[in-house]
């Protein structure tokens, strides 16, 4: 089975698509969940983050203050690059291990928010074959974030910190338009699943003439 990247801008519906794929039996390796595991107390990555960013990104109980770190990295490209340098190699290593452990009878999707930005590196580490982009208009993304309680200016900063919509679409081998209803998205996931979950039979060279 192929290894398939799954990405989309913030509030595009990427996680909804991942859940629909899980319901169909797909293995989904969640890079964002791995990132959360890697910054638990006692993990080396958390110690590096504390050394780089200081106590201002740490909660009083010794855990990472994700909101404080988010405010910092969404407004500072250098800080964002430094955080990625700490986390990305570790994330890719865990992804590669989990992909290797997955049931080869089922499709494997790697869900990550920044795959458009890191596709070449991610493909190198994981053997990724193609990239599915969940797409939604930016005004729809902002509206969804605001509905979750994110101030509109913070929502705009979060969008600006990611690849642009055009950059993601330029990377995509498959696009799922999530500007409509959940039922519409389900139908598109059904079609994607039918296309990508069928094993590809290698083409054999024609036998040479005797």
N, C-alpha and C. Protein backbone atom coordinates (compact mmCIF):
# COMPACT_ATOMS: atom_id res chain seq x y z
N UNK A 1 0.84 -1.20 0.00
CA UNK A 1 0.00 0.00 0.00
C UNK A 1 0.88 1.25 0.00
N UNK A 2 0.41 2.31 -0.65
CA UNK A 2 1.20 3.54 -0.64
C UNK A 2 1.15 4.23 0.72
N UNK A 3 2.14 5.06 0.98
CA UNK A 3 2.14 5.96 2.12
C UNK A 3 1.69 7.32 1.60
N UNK A 4 0.61 7.84 2.17
CA UNK A 4 -0.07 9.01 1.61
C UNK A 4 -0.03 10.15 2.62
N UNK A 5 0.50 11.29 2.23
CA UNK A 5 0.46 12.46 3.08
C UNK A 5 -0.92 13.08 3.09
N UNK A 6 -1.33 13.61 4.23
CA UNK A 6 -2.63 14.27 4.37
C UNK A 6 -2.40 15.59 5.10
N UNK A 7 -2.70 16.70 4.45
CA UNK A 7 -2.47 17.99 5.06
C UNK A 7 -3.57 18.96 4.67
N UNK A 8 -3.48 20.16 5.22
CA UNK A 8 -4.43 21.22 4.93
C UNK A 8 -4.14 22.37 5.87
N UNK A 9 -4.55 23.56 5.49
CA UNK A 9 -4.36 24.71 6.36
C UNK A 9 -5.17 24.56 7.64
N UNK A 10 -4.84 25.37 8.62
CA UNK A 10 -5.55 25.32 9.88
C UNK A 10 -7.05 25.54 9.65
N UNK A 11 -7.86 24.71 10.31
CA UNK A 11 -9.33 24.79 10.20
C UNK A 11 -9.83 24.49 8.80
N UNK A 12 -9.05 23.73 8.04
CA UNK A 12 -9.50 23.34 6.70
C UNK A 12 -10.38 22.10 6.73
N UNK A 13 -10.29 21.31 7.81
CA UNK A 13 -11.03 20.06 7.90
C UNK A 13 -10.16 18.83 7.77
N UNK A 14 -8.85 19.00 7.89
CA UNK A 14 -7.90 17.88 7.76
C UNK A 14 -8.20 16.78 8.79
N UNK A 15 -8.43 17.18 10.03
CA UNK A 15 -8.69 16.18 11.07
C UNK A 15 -10.01 15.45 10.84
N UNK A 16 -11.00 16.16 10.29
CA UNK A 16 -12.27 15.51 9.96
C UNK A 16 -12.05 14.45 8.89
N UNK A 17 -11.26 14.77 7.87
CA UNK A 17 -10.95 13.80 6.82
C UNK A 17 -10.20 12.61 7.42
N UNK A 18 -9.26 12.88 8.31
CA UNK A 18 -8.51 11.78 8.94
C UNK A 18 -9.46 10.85 9.68
N UNK A 19 -10.44 11.39 10.39
CA UNK A 19 -11.38 10.55 11.12
C UNK A 19 -12.26 9.74 10.17
N UNK A 20 -12.66 10.34 9.06
CA UNK A 20 -13.45 9.61 8.07
C UNK A 20 -12.64 8.46 7.47
N UNK A 21 -11.36 8.68 7.26
CA UNK A 21 -10.49 7.62 6.73
C UNK A 21 -10.29 6.51 7.76
N UNK A 22 -10.13 6.88 9.02
CA UNK A 22 -10.00 5.86 10.07
C UNK A 22 -11.25 4.97 10.10
N UNK A 23 -12.41 5.58 9.92
CA UNK A 23 -13.66 4.82 9.95
C UNK A 23 -13.72 3.80 8.82
N UNK A 24 -12.94 4.05 7.76
CA UNK A 24 -12.91 3.12 6.64
C UNK A 24 -11.84 2.03 6.81
N UNK A 25 -11.07 2.13 7.88
CA UNK A 25 -10.05 1.13 8.12
C UNK A 25 -8.64 1.56 7.81
N UNK A 26 -8.47 2.84 7.43
CA UNK A 26 -7.12 3.32 7.13
C UNK A 26 -6.31 3.47 8.40
N UNK A 27 -5.02 3.25 8.30
CA UNK A 27 -4.10 3.62 9.36
C UNK A 27 -3.73 5.08 9.17
N UNK A 28 -3.92 5.89 10.21
CA UNK A 28 -3.57 7.30 10.15
C UNK A 28 -2.52 7.58 11.22
N UNK A 29 -1.35 8.01 10.80
CA UNK A 29 -0.28 8.39 11.72
C UNK A 29 -0.38 9.91 11.88
N UNK A 30 -0.67 10.36 13.10
CA UNK A 30 -0.96 11.76 13.37
C UNK A 30 0.31 12.47 13.85
N UNK A 31 0.90 13.30 13.00
CA UNK A 31 2.14 13.99 13.36
C UNK A 31 1.92 14.99 14.49
N UNK A 32 0.75 15.61 14.54
CA UNK A 32 0.50 16.58 15.61
C UNK A 32 0.41 15.88 16.97
N UNK A 33 -0.18 14.67 17.00
CA UNK A 33 -0.23 13.90 18.24
C UNK A 33 1.18 13.48 18.66
N UNK A 34 2.00 13.11 17.69
CA UNK A 34 3.39 12.74 17.99
C UNK A 34 4.13 13.94 18.57
N UNK A 35 3.91 15.12 18.00
CA UNK A 35 4.56 16.32 18.52
C UNK A 35 4.18 16.56 19.98
N UNK A 36 2.92 16.31 20.32
CA UNK A 36 2.50 16.49 21.71
C UNK A 36 3.18 15.47 22.63
N UNK A 37 3.35 14.25 22.15
CA UNK A 37 4.04 13.23 22.94
C UNK A 37 5.50 13.62 23.20
N UNK A 38 6.12 14.23 22.19
CA UNK A 38 7.54 14.55 22.28
C UNK A 38 7.85 15.69 23.23
N UNK A 39 6.85 16.46 23.66
CA UNK A 39 7.09 17.57 24.57
C UNK A 39 6.51 17.30 25.96
N UNK A 40 6.25 16.05 26.27
CA UNK A 40 5.82 15.71 27.62
C UNK A 40 6.99 15.85 28.59
N UNK A 41 6.72 16.09 29.87
CA UNK A 41 7.81 16.22 30.84
C UNK A 41 8.73 15.00 30.82
N UNK A 42 10.03 15.27 30.84
CA UNK A 42 11.02 14.21 30.79
C UNK A 42 11.54 13.92 29.40
N UNK A 43 10.87 14.43 28.36
CA UNK A 43 11.33 14.21 27.00
C UNK A 43 12.45 15.19 26.64
N UNK A 44 13.48 14.72 25.95
CA UNK A 44 14.60 15.62 25.59
C UNK A 44 14.16 16.86 24.80
N UNK A 45 13.15 16.71 23.95
CA UNK A 45 12.71 17.87 23.15
C UNK A 45 12.20 18.99 24.04
N UNK A 46 11.52 18.64 25.14
CA UNK A 46 11.01 19.69 26.04
C UNK A 46 12.17 20.44 26.69
N UNK A 47 13.22 19.72 27.05
CA UNK A 47 14.39 20.38 27.64
C UNK A 47 15.02 21.35 26.64
N UNK A 48 15.09 20.94 25.37
CA UNK A 48 15.65 21.83 24.35
C UNK A 48 14.79 23.07 24.14
N UNK A 49 13.48 22.87 24.15
CA UNK A 49 12.57 24.01 23.99
C UNK A 49 12.73 24.99 25.15
N UNK A 50 12.87 24.46 26.34
CA UNK A 50 13.03 25.34 27.50
C UNK A 50 14.34 26.11 27.41
N UNK A 51 15.41 25.44 26.98
CA UNK A 51 16.69 26.13 26.84
C UNK A 51 16.61 27.24 25.78
N UNK A 52 15.89 26.96 24.70
CA UNK A 52 15.82 27.94 23.61
C UNK A 52 14.88 29.10 23.93
N UNK A 53 13.73 28.82 24.52
CA UNK A 53 12.70 29.85 24.66
C UNK A 53 12.52 30.36 26.09
N UNK A 54 13.08 29.66 27.06
CA UNK A 54 13.01 30.14 28.43
C UNK A 54 11.76 29.72 29.19
N UNK A 55 11.71 30.17 30.44
CA UNK A 55 10.61 29.77 31.32
C UNK A 55 9.26 30.33 30.90
N UNK A 56 9.27 31.34 30.02
CA UNK A 56 8.00 31.94 29.62
C UNK A 56 7.11 30.98 28.85
N UNK A 57 7.67 29.89 28.31
CA UNK A 57 6.85 28.92 27.60
C UNK A 57 6.57 27.69 28.45
N UNK A 58 6.89 27.78 29.75
CA UNK A 58 6.66 26.65 30.65
C UNK A 58 5.56 26.98 31.65
N UNK A 59 4.70 26.02 31.91
CA UNK A 59 3.66 26.17 32.93
C UNK A 59 4.26 25.90 34.30
N UNK A 60 3.54 26.28 35.34
CA UNK A 60 4.06 26.14 36.70
C UNK A 60 4.24 24.69 37.11
N UNK A 61 3.55 23.76 36.45
CA UNK A 61 3.68 22.34 36.79
C UNK A 61 4.78 21.63 35.99
N UNK A 62 5.56 22.40 35.22
CA UNK A 62 6.65 21.81 34.46
C UNK A 62 6.28 21.30 33.09
N UNK A 63 5.03 21.49 32.69
CA UNK A 63 4.61 21.10 31.35
C UNK A 63 4.79 22.29 30.40
N UNK A 64 4.70 22.01 29.13
CA UNK A 64 4.82 23.07 28.13
C UNK A 64 3.55 23.91 28.11
N UNK A 65 3.71 25.22 28.16
CA UNK A 65 2.58 26.14 28.00
C UNK A 65 2.40 26.35 26.49
N UNK A 66 1.55 25.53 25.89
CA UNK A 66 1.41 25.53 24.44
C UNK A 66 0.85 26.85 23.93
N UNK A 67 -0.02 27.48 24.70
CA UNK A 67 -0.59 28.76 24.27
C UNK A 67 0.50 29.83 24.22
N UNK A 68 1.36 29.87 25.23
CA UNK A 68 2.44 30.86 25.26
C UNK A 68 3.42 30.61 24.12
N UNK A 69 3.76 29.35 23.90
CA UNK A 69 4.67 29.03 22.80
C UNK A 69 4.03 29.39 21.46
N UNK A 70 2.76 29.12 21.31
CA UNK A 70 2.06 29.44 20.07
C UNK A 70 2.07 30.93 19.78
N UNK A 71 1.82 31.75 20.81
CA UNK A 71 1.83 33.20 20.60
C UNK A 71 3.21 33.66 20.13
N UNK A 72 4.25 33.03 20.64
CA UNK A 72 5.61 33.41 20.27
C UNK A 72 5.94 33.02 18.84
N UNK A 73 5.68 31.77 18.48
CA UNK A 73 6.13 31.29 17.18
C UNK A 73 5.27 31.80 16.03
N UNK A 74 4.00 32.11 16.29
CA UNK A 74 3.15 32.61 15.21
C UNK A 74 3.50 34.04 14.82
N UNK A 75 4.25 34.73 15.68
CA UNK A 75 4.62 36.12 15.38
C UNK A 75 6.10 36.29 15.10
N UNK A 76 6.87 35.20 15.09
CA UNK A 76 8.32 35.30 14.95
C UNK A 76 8.83 34.13 14.10
N UNK A 77 9.20 34.43 12.86
CA UNK A 77 9.64 33.37 11.95
C UNK A 77 10.89 32.66 12.45
N UNK A 78 11.84 33.39 13.04
CA UNK A 78 13.06 32.75 13.55
C UNK A 78 12.73 31.78 14.67
N UNK A 79 11.86 32.20 15.57
CA UNK A 79 11.45 31.31 16.66
C UNK A 79 10.76 30.07 16.10
N UNK A 80 9.93 30.26 15.09
CA UNK A 80 9.23 29.13 14.48
C UNK A 80 10.22 28.17 13.84
N UNK A 81 11.21 28.71 13.15
CA UNK A 81 12.23 27.86 12.52
C UNK A 81 13.02 27.08 13.57
N UNK A 82 13.35 27.73 14.68
CA UNK A 82 14.10 27.07 15.74
C UNK A 82 13.29 25.93 16.36
N UNK A 83 12.00 26.17 16.57
CA UNK A 83 11.15 25.11 17.11
C UNK A 83 11.07 23.94 16.15
N UNK A 84 10.90 24.23 14.87
CA UNK A 84 10.83 23.16 13.87
C UNK A 84 12.12 22.36 13.84
N UNK A 85 13.26 23.03 14.01
CA UNK A 85 14.54 22.33 14.00
C UNK A 85 14.65 21.36 15.18
N UNK A 86 14.03 21.70 16.28
CA UNK A 86 14.02 20.82 17.45
C UNK A 86 13.08 19.64 17.24
N UNK A 87 11.90 19.90 16.70
CA UNK A 87 10.85 18.88 16.66
C UNK A 87 10.82 18.04 15.39
N UNK A 88 11.04 18.65 14.23
CA UNK A 88 10.80 17.92 12.98
C UNK A 88 11.62 16.64 12.83
N UNK A 89 12.93 16.65 13.08
CA UNK A 89 13.66 15.37 12.93
C UNK A 89 13.12 14.27 13.83
N UNK A 90 12.72 14.63 15.04
CA UNK A 90 12.17 13.64 15.97
C UNK A 90 10.80 13.14 15.48
N UNK A 91 9.98 14.06 15.00
CA UNK A 91 8.66 13.68 14.50
C UNK A 91 8.79 12.72 13.32
N UNK A 92 9.67 13.06 12.37
CA UNK A 92 9.83 12.21 11.18
C UNK A 92 10.34 10.82 11.56
N UNK A 93 11.22 10.76 12.56
CA UNK A 93 11.73 9.46 12.98
C UNK A 93 10.61 8.58 13.54
N UNK A 94 9.75 9.16 14.38
CA UNK A 94 8.62 8.40 14.94
C UNK A 94 7.65 8.01 13.83
N UNK A 95 7.37 8.93 12.90
CA UNK A 95 6.48 8.60 11.78
C UNK A 95 7.03 7.41 11.00
N UNK A 96 8.31 7.43 10.69
CA UNK A 96 8.90 6.34 9.92
C UNK A 96 8.74 5.01 10.65
N UNK A 97 8.95 5.02 11.96
CA UNK A 97 8.80 3.78 12.74
C UNK A 97 7.36 3.30 12.72
N UNK A 98 6.41 4.20 12.87
CA UNK A 98 5.00 3.78 12.93
C UNK A 98 4.49 3.34 11.56
N UNK A 99 4.96 3.99 10.51
CA UNK A 99 4.60 3.52 9.17
C UNK A 99 5.14 2.12 8.96
N UNK A 100 6.37 1.86 9.41
CA UNK A 100 6.96 0.54 9.25
C UNK A 100 6.23 -0.54 10.02
N UNK A 101 5.55 -0.15 11.11
CA UNK A 101 4.82 -1.11 11.93
C UNK A 101 3.37 -1.30 11.49
N UNK A 102 2.92 -0.49 10.55
CA UNK A 102 1.51 -0.54 10.14
C UNK A 102 1.21 -1.81 9.35
N UNK A 103 -0.05 -2.22 9.40
CA UNK A 103 -0.52 -3.38 8.65
C UNK A 103 -0.40 -3.08 7.15
N UNK A 104 0.41 -3.83 6.42
CA UNK A 104 0.58 -3.54 4.99
C UNK A 104 -0.66 -3.80 4.16
N UNK A 105 -1.68 -4.40 4.75
CA UNK A 105 -2.91 -4.66 3.99
C UNK A 105 -3.81 -3.44 3.93
N UNK A 106 -3.47 -2.38 4.65
CA UNK A 106 -4.31 -1.19 4.68
C UNK A 106 -3.52 0.03 4.26
N UNK A 107 -4.22 1.00 3.71
CA UNK A 107 -3.57 2.25 3.33
C UNK A 107 -3.07 2.97 4.58
N UNK A 108 -1.93 3.63 4.44
CA UNK A 108 -1.34 4.39 5.54
C UNK A 108 -1.33 5.87 5.16
N UNK A 109 -1.96 6.69 5.99
CA UNK A 109 -1.98 8.13 5.79
C UNK A 109 -1.15 8.79 6.89
N UNK A 110 -0.33 9.75 6.51
CA UNK A 110 0.43 10.54 7.47
C UNK A 110 -0.22 11.92 7.52
N UNK A 111 -0.87 12.21 8.63
CA UNK A 111 -1.59 13.48 8.81
C UNK A 111 -0.66 14.49 9.49
N UNK A 112 -0.42 15.61 8.84
CA UNK A 112 0.45 16.63 9.42
C UNK A 112 0.08 18.00 8.88
N UNK A 113 0.13 19.00 9.74
CA UNK A 113 -0.28 20.35 9.34
C UNK A 113 0.72 20.99 8.38
N UNK A 114 2.00 20.64 8.48
CA UNK A 114 3.03 21.36 7.74
C UNK A 114 3.63 20.54 6.60
N UNK A 115 2.89 19.60 6.06
CA UNK A 115 3.47 18.76 5.01
C UNK A 115 3.76 19.54 3.73
N UNK A 116 2.96 20.54 3.43
CA UNK A 116 3.26 21.33 2.23
C UNK A 116 4.60 22.02 2.37
N UNK A 117 4.92 22.47 3.59
CA UNK A 117 6.18 23.15 3.84
C UNK A 117 7.37 22.18 3.89
N UNK A 118 7.12 20.95 4.30
CA UNK A 118 8.23 20.01 4.57
C UNK A 118 8.13 18.75 3.72
N UNK A 119 7.39 18.83 2.59
CA UNK A 119 7.08 17.60 1.87
C UNK A 119 8.33 16.83 1.43
N UNK A 120 9.32 17.51 0.89
CA UNK A 120 10.51 16.81 0.40
C UNK A 120 11.20 16.06 1.53
N UNK A 121 11.35 16.72 2.67
CA UNK A 121 11.99 16.09 3.81
C UNK A 121 11.13 14.94 4.34
N UNK A 122 9.82 15.17 4.44
CA UNK A 122 8.94 14.12 4.95
C UNK A 122 8.92 12.92 4.02
N UNK A 123 8.89 13.15 2.72
CA UNK A 123 8.89 12.04 1.76
C UNK A 123 10.18 11.24 1.86
N UNK A 124 11.29 11.93 2.08
CA UNK A 124 12.57 11.24 2.22
C UNK A 124 12.56 10.32 3.44
N UNK A 125 12.01 10.81 4.55
CA UNK A 125 12.04 10.05 5.79
C UNK A 125 11.01 8.92 5.81
N UNK A 126 9.86 9.13 5.20
CA UNK A 126 8.75 8.18 5.37
C UNK A 126 8.43 7.36 4.14
N UNK A 127 9.04 7.70 2.99
CA UNK A 127 8.69 6.99 1.76
C UNK A 127 7.33 7.40 1.22
N UNK A 128 6.91 8.61 1.52
CA UNK A 128 5.60 9.09 1.11
C UNK A 128 5.49 9.14 -0.42
N UNK A 129 4.36 8.66 -0.93
CA UNK A 129 4.17 8.55 -2.38
C UNK A 129 3.40 9.71 -2.98
N UNK A 130 2.50 10.32 -2.23
CA UNK A 130 1.66 11.38 -2.77
C UNK A 130 1.13 12.23 -1.63
N UNK A 131 0.48 13.33 -1.97
CA UNK A 131 0.02 14.28 -0.96
C UNK A 131 -1.42 14.68 -1.23
N UNK A 132 -2.29 14.43 -0.26
CA UNK A 132 -3.69 14.85 -0.30
C UNK A 132 -3.80 16.16 0.48
N UNK A 133 -4.35 17.18 -0.16
CA UNK A 133 -4.55 18.48 0.49
C UNK A 133 -6.04 18.71 0.69
N UNK A 134 -6.43 18.96 1.94
CA UNK A 134 -7.80 19.37 2.24
C UNK A 134 -7.85 20.89 2.12
N UNK A 135 -8.71 21.37 1.25
CA UNK A 135 -8.70 22.79 0.89
C UNK A 135 -10.00 23.47 1.29
N UNK A 136 -9.86 24.70 1.78
CA UNK A 136 -11.04 25.53 2.08
C UNK A 136 -10.64 26.99 1.88
N UNK A 137 -11.58 27.84 1.49
CA UNK A 137 -11.27 29.26 1.34
C UNK A 137 -10.80 29.86 2.66
N UNK A 138 -9.91 30.84 2.58
CA UNK A 138 -9.34 31.41 3.80
C UNK A 138 -10.40 32.06 4.68
N UNK A 139 -11.41 32.68 4.09
CA UNK A 139 -12.44 33.28 4.93
C UNK A 139 -13.22 32.22 5.69
N UNK A 140 -13.36 31.03 5.09
CA UNK A 140 -14.01 29.93 5.79
C UNK A 140 -13.14 29.42 6.94
N UNK A 141 -11.83 29.35 6.72
CA UNK A 141 -10.92 28.94 7.78
C UNK A 141 -10.98 29.91 8.97
N UNK A 142 -10.95 31.21 8.66
CA UNK A 142 -10.98 32.21 9.73
C UNK A 142 -12.30 32.12 10.49
N UNK A 143 -13.40 31.94 9.78
CA UNK A 143 -14.70 31.84 10.44
C UNK A 143 -14.74 30.63 11.38
N UNK A 144 -14.15 29.52 10.95
CA UNK A 144 -14.14 28.33 11.80
C UNK A 144 -13.29 28.55 13.04
N UNK A 145 -12.15 29.23 12.89
CA UNK A 145 -11.30 29.52 14.04
C UNK A 145 -12.00 30.46 15.02
N UNK A 146 -12.65 31.48 14.51
CA UNK A 146 -13.37 32.42 15.36
C UNK A 146 -14.48 31.69 16.11
N UNK A 147 -15.15 30.74 15.43
CA UNK A 147 -16.20 29.96 16.09
C UNK A 147 -15.64 29.11 17.23
N UNK A 148 -14.35 28.79 17.18
CA UNK A 148 -13.69 28.04 18.25
C UNK A 148 -13.19 28.94 19.38
N UNK A 149 -13.40 30.24 19.24
CA UNK A 149 -12.99 31.16 20.28
C UNK A 149 -11.67 31.86 20.04
N UNK A 150 -11.11 31.72 18.83
CA UNK A 150 -9.85 32.38 18.50
C UNK A 150 -10.14 33.79 18.02
N UNK A 151 -9.51 34.82 18.60
CA UNK A 151 -9.72 36.19 18.10
C UNK A 151 -9.34 36.28 16.63
N UNK A 152 -10.03 37.11 15.90
CA UNK A 152 -9.86 37.15 14.45
C UNK A 152 -8.43 37.51 14.06
N UNK A 153 -7.77 38.43 14.79
CA UNK A 153 -6.40 38.79 14.43
C UNK A 153 -5.45 37.63 14.68
N UNK A 154 -5.68 36.87 15.76
CA UNK A 154 -4.86 35.67 16.01
C UNK A 154 -5.10 34.64 14.91
N UNK A 155 -6.34 34.53 14.46
CA UNK A 155 -6.64 33.60 13.38
C UNK A 155 -5.87 33.96 12.12
N UNK A 156 -5.80 35.23 11.81
CA UNK A 156 -5.07 35.68 10.62
C UNK A 156 -3.56 35.40 10.78
N UNK A 157 -3.03 35.59 11.98
CA UNK A 157 -1.62 35.30 12.23
C UNK A 157 -1.32 33.82 12.02
N UNK A 158 -2.22 32.97 12.47
CA UNK A 158 -2.01 31.52 12.32
C UNK A 158 -2.02 31.12 10.85
N UNK A 159 -2.91 31.69 10.08
CA UNK A 159 -2.92 31.40 8.65
C UNK A 159 -1.64 31.89 7.99
N UNK A 160 -1.19 33.08 8.38
CA UNK A 160 0.01 33.66 7.77
C UNK A 160 1.27 32.87 8.10
N UNK A 161 1.24 32.12 9.22
CA UNK A 161 2.42 31.35 9.64
C UNK A 161 2.57 30.04 8.85
N UNK A 162 1.55 29.67 8.09
CA UNK A 162 1.60 28.44 7.31
C UNK A 162 1.82 28.75 5.83
N UNK A 163 2.05 27.70 5.07
CA UNK A 163 2.11 27.86 3.61
C UNK A 163 0.82 28.50 3.12
N UNK A 164 0.90 29.22 2.03
CA UNK A 164 -0.32 29.80 1.47
C UNK A 164 -1.17 28.70 0.84
N UNK A 165 -2.41 29.05 0.61
CA UNK A 165 -3.31 28.11 -0.04
C UNK A 165 -2.76 27.70 -1.40
N UNK A 166 -2.22 28.65 -2.14
CA UNK A 166 -1.68 28.36 -3.47
C UNK A 166 -0.47 27.43 -3.39
N UNK A 167 0.37 27.62 -2.39
CA UNK A 167 1.55 26.76 -2.21
C UNK A 167 1.14 25.33 -1.89
N UNK A 168 0.13 25.16 -1.05
CA UNK A 168 -0.34 23.81 -0.74
C UNK A 168 -0.91 23.13 -1.98
N UNK A 169 -1.74 23.87 -2.72
CA UNK A 169 -2.37 23.27 -3.91
C UNK A 169 -1.33 22.91 -4.97
N UNK A 170 -0.25 23.69 -5.05
CA UNK A 170 0.80 23.39 -6.01
C UNK A 170 1.52 22.08 -5.66
N UNK A 171 1.55 21.73 -4.38
CA UNK A 171 2.19 20.49 -3.94
C UNK A 171 1.27 19.27 -4.08
N UNK A 172 -0.02 19.50 -4.15
CA UNK A 172 -1.00 18.42 -4.03
C UNK A 172 -1.00 17.49 -5.24
N UNK A 173 -1.15 16.19 -4.96
CA UNK A 173 -1.47 15.24 -6.01
C UNK A 173 -2.97 14.95 -6.03
N UNK A 174 -3.63 15.19 -4.89
CA UNK A 174 -5.09 15.05 -4.78
C UNK A 174 -5.59 16.19 -3.91
N UNK A 175 -6.75 16.77 -4.26
CA UNK A 175 -7.33 17.88 -3.50
C UNK A 175 -8.74 17.50 -3.08
N UNK A 176 -9.05 17.71 -1.80
CA UNK A 176 -10.40 17.53 -1.29
C UNK A 176 -10.95 18.91 -0.93
N UNK A 177 -11.91 19.39 -1.69
CA UNK A 177 -12.51 20.70 -1.45
C UNK A 177 -13.49 20.59 -0.29
N UNK A 178 -13.21 21.29 0.81
CA UNK A 178 -14.07 21.24 1.98
C UNK A 178 -14.76 22.58 2.20
N UNK A 179 -15.29 23.13 1.14
CA UNK A 179 -16.04 24.38 1.27
C UNK A 179 -17.54 24.13 1.41
N UNK A 180 -17.95 22.85 1.33
CA UNK A 180 -19.36 22.53 1.40
C UNK A 180 -19.75 21.85 2.71
N UNK A 181 -20.71 20.95 2.62
CA UNK A 181 -21.24 20.28 3.80
C UNK A 181 -20.40 19.07 4.17
N UNK A 182 -20.66 18.53 5.38
CA UNK A 182 -19.98 17.32 5.82
C UNK A 182 -20.35 16.14 4.92
N UNK A 183 -21.60 16.10 4.48
CA UNK A 183 -22.03 15.02 3.59
C UNK A 183 -21.28 15.08 2.26
N UNK A 184 -21.07 16.29 1.76
CA UNK A 184 -20.32 16.46 0.52
C UNK A 184 -18.87 16.00 0.71
N UNK A 185 -18.28 16.34 1.85
CA UNK A 185 -16.91 15.93 2.13
C UNK A 185 -16.83 14.41 2.24
N UNK A 186 -17.84 13.79 2.85
CA UNK A 186 -17.85 12.34 2.97
C UNK A 186 -17.83 11.67 1.60
N UNK A 187 -18.60 12.19 0.67
CA UNK A 187 -18.62 11.61 -0.68
C UNK A 187 -17.25 11.72 -1.35
N UNK A 188 -16.58 12.85 -1.13
CA UNK A 188 -15.25 13.03 -1.72
C UNK A 188 -14.23 12.09 -1.08
N UNK A 189 -14.35 11.87 0.22
CA UNK A 189 -13.46 10.92 0.90
C UNK A 189 -13.73 9.50 0.39
N UNK A 190 -14.98 9.17 0.16
CA UNK A 190 -15.32 7.86 -0.39
C UNK A 190 -14.62 7.63 -1.73
N UNK A 191 -14.65 8.65 -2.59
CA UNK A 191 -14.01 8.51 -3.90
C UNK A 191 -12.49 8.41 -3.75
N UNK A 192 -11.93 9.21 -2.85
CA UNK A 192 -10.48 9.15 -2.62
C UNK A 192 -10.08 7.78 -2.11
N UNK A 193 -10.84 7.24 -1.19
CA UNK A 193 -10.55 5.94 -0.62
C UNK A 193 -10.59 4.85 -1.69
N UNK A 194 -11.58 4.93 -2.55
CA UNK A 194 -11.68 3.94 -3.62
C UNK A 194 -10.48 4.00 -4.55
N UNK A 195 -9.97 5.21 -4.76
CA UNK A 195 -8.83 5.38 -5.66
C UNK A 195 -7.52 4.97 -5.02
N UNK A 196 -7.31 5.33 -3.76
CA UNK A 196 -5.99 5.16 -3.15
C UNK A 196 -5.82 3.89 -2.34
N UNK A 197 -6.91 3.22 -1.99
CA UNK A 197 -6.78 2.04 -1.14
C UNK A 197 -6.64 0.75 -1.93
N UNK A 198 -6.69 0.84 -3.25
CA UNK A 198 -6.52 -0.35 -4.09
C UNK A 198 -5.03 -0.55 -4.38
N UNK A 199 -4.47 -1.70 -4.04
CA UNK A 199 -3.05 -1.92 -4.32
C UNK A 199 -2.75 -1.77 -5.80
N UNK A 200 -1.64 -1.13 -6.09
CA UNK A 200 -1.24 -0.95 -7.48
C UNK A 200 -0.38 -2.13 -7.92
N UNK A 201 -0.79 -2.80 -8.96
CA UNK A 201 -0.04 -3.95 -9.46
C UNK A 201 1.12 -3.44 -10.30
N UNK A 202 2.36 -3.79 -9.95
CA UNK A 202 3.50 -3.30 -10.75
C UNK A 202 3.38 -3.75 -12.20
N UNK A 203 3.70 -2.85 -13.10
CA UNK A 203 3.68 -3.20 -14.51
C UNK A 203 4.91 -4.03 -14.86
N UNK A 204 4.68 -5.11 -15.55
CA UNK A 204 5.81 -5.97 -15.95
C UNK A 204 6.24 -5.64 -17.38
N UNK A 205 7.52 -5.70 -17.58
CA UNK A 205 8.02 -5.48 -18.93
C UNK A 205 7.58 -6.63 -19.81
N UNK A 206 7.23 -6.36 -21.06
CA UNK A 206 6.82 -7.45 -21.95
C UNK A 206 7.96 -8.45 -22.15
N UNK A 207 7.56 -9.71 -22.24
CA UNK A 207 8.57 -10.74 -22.42
C UNK A 207 9.29 -10.55 -23.74
N UNK A 208 10.57 -10.80 -23.75
CA UNK A 208 11.33 -10.62 -24.96
C UNK A 208 11.03 -11.74 -25.93
N UNK A 209 11.15 -11.44 -27.20
CA UNK A 209 10.89 -12.45 -28.21
C UNK A 209 12.00 -13.49 -28.17
N UNK A 210 11.66 -14.77 -28.38
CA UNK A 210 12.71 -15.78 -28.39
C UNK A 210 13.63 -15.58 -29.58
